[in-house]
Amino acid sequence: MTQQTAAPSATVLVVCLCAEWCGVCRDYRARFGELKSRFPHVQFLWIDVEDEADLLHPLDVEDFPTLLLAVRDEARFFGPLTPQIETLERLIRIQLQDAGASALKDQEVTELVARIRATKAV
């Protein structure tokens, strides 16, 4: 089995879905921002689920932090993640190392990736 590398890494999108009222999210946000310097070609977005409810609809985010990782237009991870930044860092490294990883089959999550890429991503 040949391991592929995602190219270019700018195709990797990491979105943290949180809420301003959530203390865990507020604490996590600074650490989340630090990853930008470790992965300069990965796009990181912070989305407040209450401010961006229309963007997220019909998905409902109830657990914080919830992370979305996508490579190109394919969602690779969507769900709550323990707020240890090292866990997220490992997930990002896996996406950068294995471009052939399976995409999620959830159509609503795939459509969310497309909406985020169209309205938020550069």
PDB file of N, CA and C in Angstrom:
ATOM      1  N   MET A   1       0.834  -1.179   0.000  1.00  0.00           N
ATOM      2  CA  MET A   1       0.000   0.000   0.000  1.00  0.00           C
ATOM      3  C   MET A   1       0.876   1.238   0.000  1.00  0.00           C
ATOM      4  N   THR A   2       0.666   2.127  -0.946  1.00  0.00           N
ATOM      5  CA  THR A   2       1.480   3.325  -1.075  1.00  0.00           C
ATOM      6  C   THR A   2       0.828   4.476  -0.341  1.00  0.00           C
ATOM      7  N   GLN A   3       1.624   5.175   0.462  1.00  0.00           N
ATOM      8  CA  GLN A   3       1.114   6.330   1.169  1.00  0.00           C
ATOM      9  C   GLN A   3       1.277   7.550   0.287  1.00  0.00           C
ATOM     10  N   GLN A   4       0.203   8.334   0.134  1.00  0.00           N
ATOM     11  CA  GLN A   4       0.234   9.522  -0.690  1.00  0.00           C
ATOM     12  C   GLN A   4       0.267  10.742   0.201  1.00  0.00           C
ATOM     13  N   THR A   5       0.728  11.858  -0.351  1.00  0.00           N
ATOM     14  CA  THR A   5       0.740  13.109   0.376  1.00  0.00           C
ATOM     15  C   THR A   5      -0.259  14.043  -0.261  1.00  0.00           C
ATOM     16  N   ALA A   6      -1.073  14.689   0.555  1.00  0.00           N
ATOM     17  CA  ALA A   6      -2.038  15.660   0.047  1.00  0.00           C
ATOM     18  C   ALA A   6      -1.284  16.811  -0.586  1.00  0.00           C
ATOM     19  N   ALA A   7      -1.643  17.176  -1.787  1.00  0.00           N
ATOM     20  CA  ALA A   7      -0.942  18.250  -2.465  1.00  0.00           C
ATOM     21  C   ALA A   7      -1.940  19.104  -3.222  1.00  0.00           C
ATOM     22  N   PRO A   8      -1.910  20.390  -3.080  1.00  0.00           N
ATOM     23  CA  PRO A   8      -1.169  21.107  -2.049  1.00  0.00           C
ATOM     24  C   PRO A   8      -1.904  21.057  -0.722  1.00  0.00           C
ATOM     25  N   SER A   9      -1.184  21.300   0.359  1.00  0.00           N
ATOM     26  CA  SER A   9      -1.815  21.205   1.672  1.00  0.00           C
ATOM     27  C   SER A   9      -2.845  22.305   1.891  1.00  0.00           C
ATOM     28  N   ALA A  10      -2.834  23.351   1.080  1.00  0.00           N
ATOM     29  CA  ALA A  10      -3.838  24.410   1.205  1.00  0.00           C
ATOM     30  C   ALA A  10      -5.236  23.859   0.952  1.00  0.00           C
ATOM     31  N   THR A  11      -5.316  22.672   0.377  1.00  0.00           N
ATOM     32  CA  THR A  11      -6.625  22.061   0.157  1.00  0.00           C
ATOM     33  C   THR A  11      -7.202  21.513   1.447  1.00  0.00           C
ATOM     34  N   VAL A  12      -6.419  21.510   2.530  1.00  0.00           N
ATOM     35  CA  VAL A  12      -6.900  21.018   3.817  1.00  0.00           C
ATOM     36  C   VAL A  12      -7.563  22.174   4.572  1.00  0.00           C
ATOM     37  N   LEU A  13      -8.786  21.919   4.996  1.00  0.00           N
ATOM     38  CA  LEU A  13      -9.586  22.898   5.719  1.00  0.00           C
ATOM     39  C   LEU A  13      -9.908  22.330   7.094  1.00  0.00           C
ATOM     40  N   VAL A  14      -9.656  23.122   8.131  1.00  0.00           N
ATOM     41  CA  VAL A  14      -9.960  22.722   9.498  1.00  0.00           C
ATOM     42  C   VAL A  14     -10.893  23.782  10.078  1.00  0.00           C
ATOM     43  N   VAL A  15     -12.085  23.352  10.448  1.00  0.00           N
ATOM     44  CA  VAL A  15     -13.096  24.271  10.970  1.00  0.00           C
ATOM     45  C   VAL A  15     -13.470  23.854  12.384  1.00  0.00           C
ATOM     46  N   CYS A  16     -13.381  24.794  13.307  1.00  0.00           N
ATOM     47  CA  CYS A  16     -13.849  24.542  14.668  1.00  0.00           C
ATOM     48  C   CYS A  16     -15.215  25.196  14.801  1.00  0.00           C
ATOM     49  N   LEU A  17     -16.192  24.391  15.166  1.00  0.00           N
ATOM     50  CA  LEU A  17     -17.561  24.857  15.356  1.00  0.00           C
ATOM     51  C   LEU A  17     -17.815  24.945  16.857  1.00  0.00           C
ATOM     52  N   CYS A  18     -17.973  26.156  17.343  1.00  0.00           N
ATOM     53  CA  CYS A  18     -18.115  26.384  18.774  1.00  0.00           C
ATOM     54  C   CYS A  18     -19.155  27.458  19.031  1.00  0.00           C
ATOM     55  N   ALA A  19     -19.250  27.865  20.283  1.00  0.00           N
ATOM     56  CA  ALA A  19     -20.159  28.944  20.679  1.00  0.00           C
ATOM     57  C   ALA A  19     -19.422  29.858  21.644  1.00  0.00           C
ATOM     58  N   GLU A  20     -19.653  31.138  21.503  1.00  0.00           N
ATOM     59  CA  GLU A  20     -18.964  32.126  22.340  1.00  0.00           C
ATOM     60  C   GLU A  20     -19.251  31.914  23.822  1.00  0.00           C
ATOM     61  N   TRP A  21     -20.453  31.456  24.158  1.00  0.00           N
ATOM     62  CA  TRP A  21     -20.822  31.271  25.556  1.00  0.00           C
ATOM     63  C   TRP A  21     -20.122  30.078  26.200  1.00  0.00           C
ATOM     64  N   CYS A  22     -19.514  29.212  25.390  1.00  0.00           N
ATOM     65  CA  CYS A  22     -18.879  27.989  25.889  1.00  0.00           C
ATOM     66  C   CYS A  22     -17.467  28.284  26.413  1.00  0.00           C
ATOM     67  N   GLY A  23     -17.268  28.103  27.701  1.00  0.00           N
ATOM     68  CA  GLY A  23     -15.961  28.364  28.306  1.00  0.00           C
ATOM     69  C   GLY A  23     -14.868  27.474  27.735  1.00  0.00           C
ATOM     70  N   VAL A  24     -15.180  26.207  27.482  1.00  0.00           N
ATOM     71  CA  VAL A  24     -14.199  25.286  26.889  1.00  0.00           C
ATOM     72  C   VAL A  24     -13.765  25.816  25.519  1.00  0.00           C
ATOM     73  N   CYS A  25     -14.735  26.303  24.739  1.00  0.00           N
ATOM     74  CA  CYS A  25     -14.425  26.838  23.409  1.00  0.00           C
ATOM     75  C   CYS A  25     -13.523  28.066  23.511  1.00  0.00           C
ATOM     76  N   ARG A  26     -13.838  28.954  24.436  1.00  0.00           N
ATOM     77  CA  ARG A  26     -13.013  30.164  24.586  1.00  0.00           C
ATOM     78  C   ARG A  26     -11.573  29.787  24.934  1.00  0.00           C
ATOM     79  N   ASP A  27     -11.403  28.817  25.805  1.00  0.00           N
ATOM     80  CA  ASP A  27     -10.056  28.368  26.174  1.00  0.00           C
ATOM     81  C   ASP A  27      -9.354  27.705  24.986  1.00  0.00           C
ATOM     82  N   TYR A  28     -10.106  26.944  24.214  1.00  0.00           N
ATOM     83  CA  TYR A  28      -9.562  26.192  23.074  1.00  0.00           C
ATOM     84  C   TYR A  28      -9.173  27.109  21.912  1.00  0.00           C
ATOM     85  N   ARG A  29      -9.860  28.235  21.779  1.00  0.00           N
ATOM     86  CA  ARG A  29      -9.671  29.112  20.624  1.00  0.00           C
ATOM     87  C   ARG A  29      -8.229  29.601  20.477  1.00  0.00           C
ATOM     88  N   ALA A  30      -7.605  30.009  21.559  1.00  0.00           N
ATOM     89  CA  ALA A  30      -6.218  30.490  21.483  1.00  0.00           C
ATOM     90  C   ALA A  30      -5.286  29.377  21.027  1.00  0.00           C
ATOM     91  N   ARG A  31      -5.460  28.191  21.557  1.00  0.00           N
ATOM     92  CA  ARG A  31      -4.618  27.057  21.165  1.00  0.00           C
ATOM     93  C   ARG A  31      -4.873  26.670  19.716  1.00  0.00           C
ATOM     94  N   PHE A  32      -6.140  26.732  19.287  1.00  0.00           N
ATOM     95  CA  PHE A  32      -6.519  26.449  17.901  1.00  0.00           C
ATOM     96  C   PHE A  32      -5.788  27.419  16.971  1.00  0.00           C
ATOM     97  N   GLY A  33      -5.749  28.685  17.340  1.00  0.00           N
ATOM     98  CA  GLY A  33      -5.061  29.696  16.538  1.00  0.00           C
ATOM     99  C   GLY A  33      -3.566  29.447  16.406  1.00  0.00           C
ATOM    100  N   GLU A  34      -2.963  28.838  17.421  1.00  0.00           N
ATOM    101  CA  GLU A  34      -1.527  28.539  17.386  1.00  0.00           C
ATOM    102  C   GLU A  34      -1.169  27.549  16.278  1.00  0.00           C
ATOM    103  N   LEU A  35      -2.112  26.718  15.871  1.00  0.00           N
ATOM    104  CA  LEU A  35      -1.835  25.720  14.838  1.00  0.00           C
ATOM    105  C   LEU A  35      -1.538  26.360  13.479  1.00  0.00           C
ATOM    106  N   LYS A  36      -2.009  27.582  13.272  1.00  0.00           N
ATOM    107  CA  LYS A  36      -1.755  28.264  11.996  1.00  0.00           C
ATOM    108  C   LYS A  36      -0.265  28.393  11.722  1.00  0.00           C
ATOM    109  N   SER A  37       0.525  28.623  12.756  1.00  0.00           N
ATOM    110  CA  SER A  37       1.969  28.758  12.542  1.00  0.00           C
ATOM    111  C   SER A  37       2.630  27.400  12.294  1.00  0.00           C
ATOM    112  N   ARG A  38       2.061  26.329  12.827  1.00  0.00           N
ATOM    113  CA  ARG A  38       2.615  24.976  12.611  1.00  0.00           C
ATOM    114  C   ARG A  38       2.223  24.397  11.260  1.00  0.00           C
ATOM    115  N   PHE A  39       1.079  24.828  10.749  1.00  0.00           N
ATOM    116  CA  PHE A  39       0.561  24.340   9.469  1.00  0.00           C
ATOM    117  C   PHE A  39       0.168  25.545   8.607  1.00  0.00           C
ATOM    118  N   PRO A  40       1.150  26.288   8.097  1.00  0.00           N
ATOM    119  CA  PRO A  40       0.847  27.543   7.408  1.00  0.00           C
ATOM    120  C   PRO A  40       0.045  27.388   6.113  1.00  0.00           C
ATOM    121  N   HIS A  41       0.013  26.222   5.529  1.00  0.00           N
ATOM    122  CA  HIS A  41      -0.715  26.025   4.273  1.00  0.00           C
ATOM    123  C   HIS A  41      -2.090  25.398   4.464  1.00  0.00           C
ATOM    124  N   VAL A  42      -2.457  25.174   5.715  1.00  0.00           N
ATOM    125  CA  VAL A  42      -3.777  24.640   6.035  1.00  0.00           C
ATOM    126  C   VAL A  42      -4.664  25.829   6.393  1.00  0.00           C
ATOM    127  N   GLN A  43      -5.907  25.805   5.931  1.00  0.00           N
ATOM    128  CA  GLN A  43      -6.813  26.897   6.270  1.00  0.00           C
ATOM    129  C   GLN A  43      -7.588  26.546   7.536  1.00  0.00           C
ATOM    130  N   PHE A  44      -7.526  27.432   8.511  1.00  0.00           N
ATOM    131  CA  PHE A  44      -8.216  27.264   9.784  1.00  0.00           C
ATOM    132  C   PHE A  44      -9.333  28.296   9.877  1.00  0.00           C
ATOM    133  N   LEU A  45     -10.520  27.839  10.245  1.00  0.00           N
ATOM    134  CA  LEU A  45     -11.659  28.731  10.441  1.00  0.00           C
ATOM    135  C   LEU A  45     -12.301  28.452  11.785  1.00  0.00           C
ATOM    136  N   TRP A  46     -12.737  29.507  12.425  1.00  0.00           N
ATOM    137  CA  TRP A  46     -13.473  29.417  13.675  1.00  0.00           C
ATOM    138  C   TRP A  46     -14.878  29.907  13.370  1.00  0.00           C
ATOM    139  N   ILE A  47     -15.876  29.068  13.569  1.00  0.00           N
ATOM    140  CA  ILE A  47     -17.250  29.441  13.263  1.00  0.00           C
ATOM    141  C   ILE A  47     -18.100  29.297  14.521  1.00  0.00           C
ATOM    142  N   ASP A  48     -18.751  30.397  14.904  1.00  0.00           N
ATOM    143  CA  ASP A  48     -19.670  30.381  16.029  1.00  0.00           C
ATOM    144  C   ASP A  48     -20.998  29.821  15.528  1.00  0.00           C
ATOM    145  N   VAL A  49     -21.450  28.732  16.117  1.00  0.00           N
ATOM    146  CA  VAL A  49     -22.641  28.037  15.622  1.00  0.00           C
ATOM    147  C   VAL A  49     -23.909  28.873  15.759  1.00  0.00           C
ATOM    148  N   GLU A  50     -23.925  29.791  16.702  1.00  0.00           N
ATOM    149  CA  GLU A  50     -25.108  30.639  16.860  1.00  0.00           C
ATOM    150  C   GLU A  50     -25.104  31.782  15.844  1.00  0.00           C
ATOM    151  N   ASP A  51     -23.936  32.346  15.573  1.00  0.00           N
ATOM    152  CA  ASP A  51     -23.833  33.429  14.592  1.00  0.00           C
ATOM    153  C   ASP A  51     -24.014  32.924  13.164  1.00  0.00           C
ATOM    154  N   GLU A  52     -23.678  31.666  12.926  1.00  0.00           N
ATOM    155  CA  GLU A  52     -23.696  31.100  11.575  1.00  0.00           C
ATOM    156  C   GLU A  52     -24.692  29.946  11.444  1.00  0.00           C
ATOM    157  N   ALA A  53     -25.796  30.029  12.153  1.00  0.00           N
ATOM    158  CA  ALA A  53     -26.788  28.950  12.136  1.00  0.00           C
ATOM    159  C   ALA A  53     -27.295  28.665  10.722  1.00  0.00           C
ATOM    160  N   ASP A  54     -27.483  29.716   9.913  1.00  0.00           N
ATOM    161  CA  ASP A  54     -27.965  29.510   8.541  1.00  0.00           C
ATOM    162  C   ASP A  54     -26.963  28.730   7.703  1.00  0.00           C
ATOM    163  N   LEU A  55     -25.678  29.006   7.901  1.00  0.00           N
ATOM    164  CA  LEU A  55     -24.634  28.295   7.165  1.00  0.00           C
ATOM    165  C   LEU A  55     -24.632  26.812   7.533  1.00  0.00           C
ATOM    166  N   LEU A  56     -24.846  26.513   8.791  1.00  0.00           N
ATOM    167  CA  LEU A  56     -24.778  25.137   9.278  1.00  0.00           C
ATOM    168  C   LEU A  56     -26.041  24.323   9.013  1.00  0.00           C
ATOM    169  N   HIS A  57     -27.162  24.988   8.861  1.00  0.00           N
ATOM    170  CA  HIS A  57     -28.445  24.299   8.667  1.00  0.00           C
ATOM    171  C   HIS A  57     -28.371  23.347   7.474  1.00  0.00           C
ATOM    172  N   PRO A  58     -28.806  22.120   7.604  1.00  0.00           N
ATOM    173  CA  PRO A  58     -29.662  21.524   8.618  1.00  0.00           C
ATOM    174  C   PRO A  58     -28.904  20.813   9.741  1.00  0.00           C
ATOM    175  N   LEU A  59     -27.591  20.893   9.748  1.00  0.00           N
ATOM    176  CA  LEU A  59     -26.815  20.221  10.798  1.00  0.00           C
ATOM    177  C   LEU A  59     -26.984  20.956  12.117  1.00  0.00           C
ATOM    178  N   ASP A  60     -27.009  20.195  13.196  1.00  0.00           N
ATOM    179  CA  ASP A  60     -27.143  20.764  14.526  1.00  0.00           C
ATOM    180  C   ASP A  60     -25.916  20.357  15.334  1.00  0.00           C
ATOM    181  N   VAL A  61     -25.162  21.342  15.793  1.00  0.00           N
ATOM    182  CA  VAL A  61     -23.962  21.074  16.581  1.00  0.00           C
ATOM    183  C   VAL A  61     -24.330  21.245  18.047  1.00  0.00           C
ATOM    184  N   GLU A  62     -24.184  20.167  18.808  1.00  0.00           N
ATOM    185  CA  GLU A  62     -24.570  20.193  20.218  1.00  0.00           C
ATOM    186  C   GLU A  62     -23.396  20.007  21.157  1.00  0.00           C
ATOM    187  N   ASP A  63     -22.293  19.434  20.673  1.00  0.00           N
ATOM    188  CA  ASP A  63     -21.130  19.160  21.512  1.00  0.00           C
ATOM    189  C   ASP A  63     -19.977  20.047  21.069  1.00  0.00           C
ATOM    190  N   PHE A  64     -19.259  20.579  22.060  1.00  0.00           N
ATOM    191  CA  PHE A  64     -18.166  21.500  21.754  1.00  0.00           C
ATOM    192  C   PHE A  64     -16.861  21.011  22.351  1.00  0.00           C
ATOM    193  N   PRO A  65     -15.750  21.230  21.667  1.00  0.00           N
ATOM    194  CA  PRO A  65     -15.696  21.707  20.290  1.00  0.00           C
ATOM    195  C   PRO A  65     -16.024  20.591  19.296  1.00  0.00           C
ATOM    196  N   THR A  66     -16.677  20.969  18.209  1.00  0.00           N
ATOM    197  CA  THR A  66     -16.914  20.061  17.091  1.00  0.00           C
ATOM    198  C   THR A  66     -15.988  20.500  15.969  1.00  0.00           C
ATOM    199  N   LEU A  67     -15.297  19.538  15.389  1.00  0.00           N
ATOM    200  CA  LEU A  67     -14.333  19.837  14.330  1.00  0.00           C
ATOM    201  C   LEU A  67     -14.766  19.241  13.015  1.00  0.00           C
ATOM    202  N   LEU A  68     -14.482  19.977  11.970  1.00  0.00           N
ATOM    203  CA  LEU A  68     -14.686  19.522  10.598  1.00  0.00           C
ATOM    204  C   LEU A  68     -13.341  19.602   9.902  1.00  0.00           C
ATOM    205  N   LEU A  69     -12.876  18.489   9.362  1.00  0.00           N
ATOM    206  CA  LEU A  69     -11.656  18.463   8.562  1.00  0.00           C
ATOM    207  C   LEU A  69     -12.036  18.018   7.169  1.00  0.00           C
ATOM    208  N   ALA A  70     -11.562  18.755   6.188  1.00  0.00           N
ATOM    209  CA  ALA A  70     -11.857  18.418   4.796  1.00  0.00           C
ATOM    210  C   ALA A  70     -10.584  18.518   3.981  1.00  0.00           C
ATOM    211  N   VAL A  71     -10.497  17.667   2.986  1.00  0.00           N
ATOM    212  CA  VAL A  71      -9.425  17.727   2.002  1.00  0.00           C
ATOM    213  C   VAL A  71     -10.121  17.941   0.671  1.00  0.00           C
ATOM    214  N   ARG A  72      -9.761  19.029   0.018  1.00  0.00           N
ATOM    215  CA  ARG A  72     -10.476  19.480  -1.176  1.00  0.00           C
ATOM    216  C   ARG A  72     -11.958  19.612  -0.823  1.00  0.00           C
ATOM    217  N   ASP A  73     -12.833  18.927  -1.515  1.00  0.00           N
ATOM    218  CA  ASP A  73     -14.265  19.024  -1.242  1.00  0.00           C
ATOM    219  C   ASP A  73     -14.786  17.843  -0.433  1.00  0.00           C
ATOM    220  N   GLU A  74     -13.875  17.022   0.080  1.00  0.00           N
ATOM    221  CA  GLU A  74     -14.273  15.821   0.809  1.00  0.00           C
ATOM    222  C   GLU A  74     -14.118  16.005   2.313  1.00  0.00           C
ATOM    223  N   ALA A  75     -15.215  15.821   3.035  1.00  0.00           N
ATOM    224  CA  ALA A  75     -15.148  15.816   4.494  1.00  0.00           C
ATOM    225  C   ALA A  75     -14.456  14.530   4.933  1.00  0.00           C
ATOM    226  N   ARG A  76     -13.485  14.660   5.805  1.00  0.00           N
ATOM    227  CA  ARG A  76     -12.759  13.489   6.308  1.00  0.00           C
ATOM    228  C   ARG A  76     -13.048  13.212   7.775  1.00  0.00           C
ATOM    229  N   PHE A  77     -13.427  14.256   8.515  1.00  0.00           N
ATOM    230  CA  PHE A  77     -13.773  14.095   9.927  1.00  0.00           C
ATOM    231  C   PHE A  77     -14.798  15.151  10.279  1.00  0.00           C
ATOM    232  N   PHE A  78     -15.838  14.747  11.013  1.00  0.00           N
ATOM    233  CA  PHE A  78     -16.819  15.691  11.519  1.00  0.00           C
ATOM    234  C   PHE A  78     -17.357  15.144  12.818  1.00  0.00           C
ATOM    235  N   GLY A  79     -17.113  15.859  13.897  1.00  0.00           N
ATOM    236  CA  GLY A  79     -17.637  15.431  15.186  1.00  0.00           C
ATOM    237  C   GLY A  79     -16.944  16.124  16.328  1.00  0.00           C
ATOM    238  N   PRO A  80     -17.428  15.864  17.540  1.00  0.00           N
ATOM    239  CA  PRO A  80     -16.792  16.457  18.715  1.00  0.00           C
ATOM    240  C   PRO A  80     -15.400  15.873  18.906  1.00  0.00           C
ATOM    241  N   LEU A  81     -14.533  16.692  19.444  1.00  0.00           N
ATOM    242  CA  LEU A  81     -13.149  16.279  19.671  1.00  0.00           C
ATOM    243  C   LEU A  81     -12.743  16.781  21.049  1.00  0.00           C
ATOM    244  N   THR A  82     -12.045  15.958  21.796  1.00  0.00           N
ATOM    245  CA  THR A  82     -11.585  16.419  23.097  1.00  0.00           C
ATOM    246  C   THR A  82     -10.752  17.689  22.897  1.00  0.00           C
ATOM    247  N   PRO A  83     -10.846  18.633  23.811  1.00  0.00           N
ATOM    248  CA  PRO A  83     -10.178  19.920  23.600  1.00  0.00           C
ATOM    249  C   PRO A  83      -8.673  19.907  23.887  1.00  0.00           C
ATOM    250  N   GLN A  84      -8.008  18.827  23.536  1.00  0.00           N
ATOM    251  CA  GLN A  84      -6.548  18.790  23.601  1.00  0.00           C
ATOM    252  C   GLN A  84      -6.036  19.059  22.189  1.00  0.00           C
ATOM    253  N   ILE A  85      -5.289  20.112  22.028  1.00  0.00           N
ATOM    254  CA  ILE A  85      -4.846  20.538  20.704  1.00  0.00           C
ATOM    255  C   ILE A  85      -3.973  19.479  20.033  1.00  0.00           C
ATOM    256  N   GLU A  86      -3.306  18.653  20.829  1.00  0.00           N
ATOM    257  CA  GLU A  86      -2.462  17.597  20.278  1.00  0.00           C
ATOM    258  C   GLU A  86      -3.281  16.584  19.483  1.00  0.00           C
ATOM    259  N   THR A  87      -4.506  16.339  19.908  1.00  0.00           N
ATOM    260  CA  THR A  87      -5.384  15.412  19.185  1.00  0.00           C
ATOM    261  C   THR A  87      -5.706  15.973  17.810  1.00  0.00           C
ATOM    262  N   LEU A  88      -6.051  17.245  17.750  1.00  0.00           N
ATOM    263  CA  LEU A  88      -6.338  17.882  16.465  1.00  0.00           C
ATOM    264  C   LEU A  88      -5.089  17.908  15.589  1.00  0.00           C
ATOM    265  N   GLU A  89      -3.964  18.175  16.174  1.00  0.00           N
ATOM    266  CA  GLU A  89      -2.714  18.199  15.416  1.00  0.00           C
ATOM    267  C   GLU A  89      -2.446  16.837  14.762  1.00  0.00           C
ATOM    268  N   ARG A  90      -2.700  15.758  15.480  1.00  0.00           N
ATOM    269  CA  ARG A  90      -2.520  14.419  14.901  1.00  0.00           C
ATOM    270  C   ARG A  90      -3.478  14.197  13.733  1.00  0.00           C
ATOM    271  N   LEU A  91      -4.724  14.622  13.886  1.00  0.00           N
ATOM    272  CA  LEU A  91      -5.692  14.478  12.798  1.00  0.00           C
ATOM    273  C   LEU A  91      -5.252  15.242  11.547  1.00  0.00           C
ATOM    274  N   ILE A  92      -4.727  16.430  11.741  1.00  0.00           N
ATOM    275  CA  ILE A  92      -4.257  17.230  10.602  1.00  0.00           C
ATOM    276  C   ILE A  92      -3.093  16.534   9.919  1.00  0.00           C
ATOM    277  N   ARG A  93      -2.144  16.055  10.706  1.00  0.00           N
ATOM    278  CA  ARG A  93      -0.983  15.361  10.119  1.00  0.00           C
ATOM    279  C   ARG A  93      -1.419  14.139   9.309  1.00  0.00           C
ATOM    280  N   ILE A  94      -2.389  13.409   9.799  1.00  0.00           N
ATOM    281  CA  ILE A  94      -2.895  12.240   9.062  1.00  0.00           C
ATOM    282  C   ILE A  94      -3.452  12.681   7.717  1.00  0.00           C
ATOM    283  N   GLN A  95      -4.215  13.770   7.689  1.00  0.00           N
ATOM    284  CA  GLN A  95      -4.789  14.245   6.423  1.00  0.00           C
ATOM    285  C   GLN A  95      -3.711  14.701   5.451  1.00  0.00           C
ATOM    286  N   LEU A  96      -2.656  15.310   5.965  1.00  0.00           N
ATOM    287  CA  LEU A  96      -1.570  15.760   5.103  1.00  0.00           C
ATOM    288  C   LEU A  96      -0.760  14.584   4.547  1.00  0.00           C
ATOM    289  N   GLN A  97      -0.711  13.495   5.289  1.00  0.00           N
ATOM    290  CA  GLN A  97       0.092  12.354   4.876  1.00  0.00           C
ATOM    291  C   GLN A  97      -0.647  11.361   3.997  1.00  0.00           C
ATOM    292  N   ASP A  98      -1.966  11.321   4.095  1.00  0.00           N
ATOM    293  CA  ASP A  98      -2.707  10.295   3.373  1.00  0.00           C
ATOM    294  C   ASP A  98      -3.831  10.908   2.546  1.00  0.00           C
ATOM    295  N   ALA A  99      -3.507  11.348   1.353  1.00  0.00           N
ATOM    296  CA  ALA A  99      -4.493  11.975   0.470  1.00  0.00           C
ATOM    297  C   ALA A  99      -5.543  10.978   0.008  1.00  0.00           C
ATOM    298  N   GLY A 100      -5.270   9.707   0.137  1.00  0.00           N
ATOM    299  CA  GLY A 100      -6.205   8.692  -0.319  1.00  0.00           C
ATOM    300  C   GLY A 100      -7.179   8.211   0.751  1.00  0.00           C
ATOM    301  N   ALA A 101      -7.195   8.880   1.906  1.00  0.00           N
ATOM    302  CA  ALA A 101      -8.102   8.466   2.978  1.00  0.00           C
ATOM    303  C   ALA A 101      -9.550   8.586   2.516  1.00  0.00           C
ATOM    304  N   SER A 102     -10.399   7.774   3.093  1.00  0.00           N
ATOM    305  CA  SER A 102     -11.814   7.753   2.707  1.00  0.00           C
ATOM    306  C   SER A 102     -12.535   9.011   3.164  1.00  0.00           C
ATOM    307  N   ALA A 103     -13.423   9.476   2.300  1.00  0.00           N
ATOM    308  CA  ALA A 103     -14.268  10.613   2.637  1.00  0.00           C
ATOM    309  C   ALA A 103     -15.470  10.125   3.431  1.00  0.00           C
ATOM    310  N   LEU A 104     -16.041  11.013   4.228  1.00  0.00           N
ATOM    311  CA  LEU A 104     -17.273  10.694   4.929  1.00  0.00           C
ATOM    312  C   LEU A 104     -18.398  10.585   3.911  1.00  0.00           C
ATOM    313  N   LYS A 105     -19.351   9.754   4.183  1.00  0.00           N
ATOM    314  CA  LYS A 105     -20.440   9.527   3.235  1.00  0.00           C
ATOM    315  C   LYS A 105     -21.690  10.343   3.569  1.00  0.00           C
ATOM    316  N   ASP A 106     -21.644  11.155   4.601  1.00  0.00           N
ATOM    317  CA  ASP A 106     -22.783  11.956   5.030  1.00  0.00           C
ATOM    318  C   ASP A 106     -22.965  13.143   4.075  1.00  0.00           C
ATOM    319  N   GLN A 107     -24.056  13.135   3.322  1.00  0.00           N
ATOM    320  CA  GLN A 107     -24.316  14.165   2.315  1.00  0.00           C
ATOM    321  C   GLN A 107     -24.440  15.558   2.940  1.00  0.00           C
ATOM    322  N   GLU A 108     -25.044  15.656   4.118  1.00  0.00           N
ATOM    323  CA  GLU A 108     -25.199  16.965   4.770  1.00  0.00           C
ATOM    324  C   GLU A 108     -23.850  17.564   5.144  1.00  0.00           C
ATOM    325  N   VAL A 109     -22.918  16.736   5.580  1.00  0.00           N
ATOM    326  CA  VAL A 109     -21.581  17.223   5.922  1.00  0.00           C
ATOM    327  C   VAL A 109     -20.839  17.618   4.652  1.00  0.00           C
ATOM    328  N   THR A 110     -20.973  16.841   3.589  1.00  0.00           N
ATOM    329  CA  THR A 110     -20.352  17.184   2.301  1.00  0.00           C
ATOM    330  C   THR A 110     -20.874  18.530   1.807  1.00  0.00           C
ATOM    331  N   GLU A 111     -22.170  18.740   1.942  1.00  0.00           N
ATOM    332  CA  GLU A 111     -22.761  20.013   1.516  1.00  0.00           C
ATOM    333  C   GLU A 111     -22.289  21.166   2.400  1.00  0.00           C
ATOM    334  N   LEU A 112     -22.066  20.903   3.687  1.00  0.00           N
ATOM    335  CA  LEU A 112     -21.529  21.932   4.577  1.00  0.00           C
ATOM    336  C   LEU A 112     -20.136  22.350   4.125  1.00  0.00           C
ATOM    337  N   VAL A 113     -19.303  21.391   3.772  1.00  0.00           N
ATOM    338  CA  VAL A 113     -17.959  21.714   3.278  1.00  0.00           C
ATOM    339  C   VAL A 113     -18.070  22.643   2.066  1.00  0.00           C
ATOM    340  N   ALA A 114     -18.963  22.323   1.139  1.00  0.00           N
ATOM    341  CA  ALA A 114     -19.133  23.145  -0.059  1.00  0.00           C
ATOM    342  C   ALA A 114     -19.590  24.556   0.313  1.00  0.00           C
ATOM    343  N   ARG A 115     -20.526  24.678   1.259  1.00  0.00           N
ATOM    344  CA  ARG A 115     -20.995  26.012   1.655  1.00  0.00           C
ATOM    345  C   ARG A 115     -19.883  26.808   2.317  1.00  0.00           C
ATOM    346  N   ILE A 116     -19.121  26.154   3.170  1.00  0.00           N
ATOM    347  CA  ILE A 116     -18.012  26.858   3.849  1.00  0.00           C
ATOM    348  C   ILE A 116     -16.967  27.281   2.831  1.00  0.00           C
ATOM    349  N   ARG A 117     -16.602  26.394   1.921  1.00  0.00           N
ATOM    350  CA  ARG A 117     -15.606  26.747   0.885  1.00  0.00           C
ATOM    351  C   ARG A 117     -16.109  27.924   0.042  1.00  0.00           C
ATOM    352  N   ALA A 118     -17.411  27.954  -0.245  1.00  0.00           N
ATOM    353  CA  ALA A 118     -17.967  29.007  -1.098  1.00  0.00           C
ATOM    354  C   ALA A 118     -18.072  30.350  -0.394  1.00  0.00           C
ATOM    355  N   THR A 119     -18.311  30.327   0.926  1.00  0.00           N
ATOM    356  CA  THR A 119     -18.558  31.592   1.615  1.00  0.00           C
ATOM    357  C   THR A 119     -17.459  32.041   2.569  1.00  0.00           C
ATOM    358  N   LYS A 120     -16.666  31.124   3.076  1.00  0.00           N
ATOM    359  CA  LYS A 120     -15.687  31.473   4.098  1.00  0.00           C
ATOM    360  C   LYS A 120     -14.237  31.266   3.670  1.00  0.00           C
ATOM    361  N   ALA A 121     -13.996  30.226   2.917  1.00  0.00           N
ATOM    362  CA  ALA A 121     -12.624  29.862   2.558  1.00  0.00           C
ATOM    363  C   ALA A 121     -12.093  30.773   1.473  1.00  0.00           C
ATOM    364  N   VAL A 122     -10.805  30.952   1.519  1.00  0.00           N
ATOM    365  CA  VAL A 122     -10.160  31.788   0.498  1.00  0.00           C
ATOM    366  C   VAL A 122      -9.529  30.915  -0.548  1.00  0.00           C
TER     367      VAL A 122
END
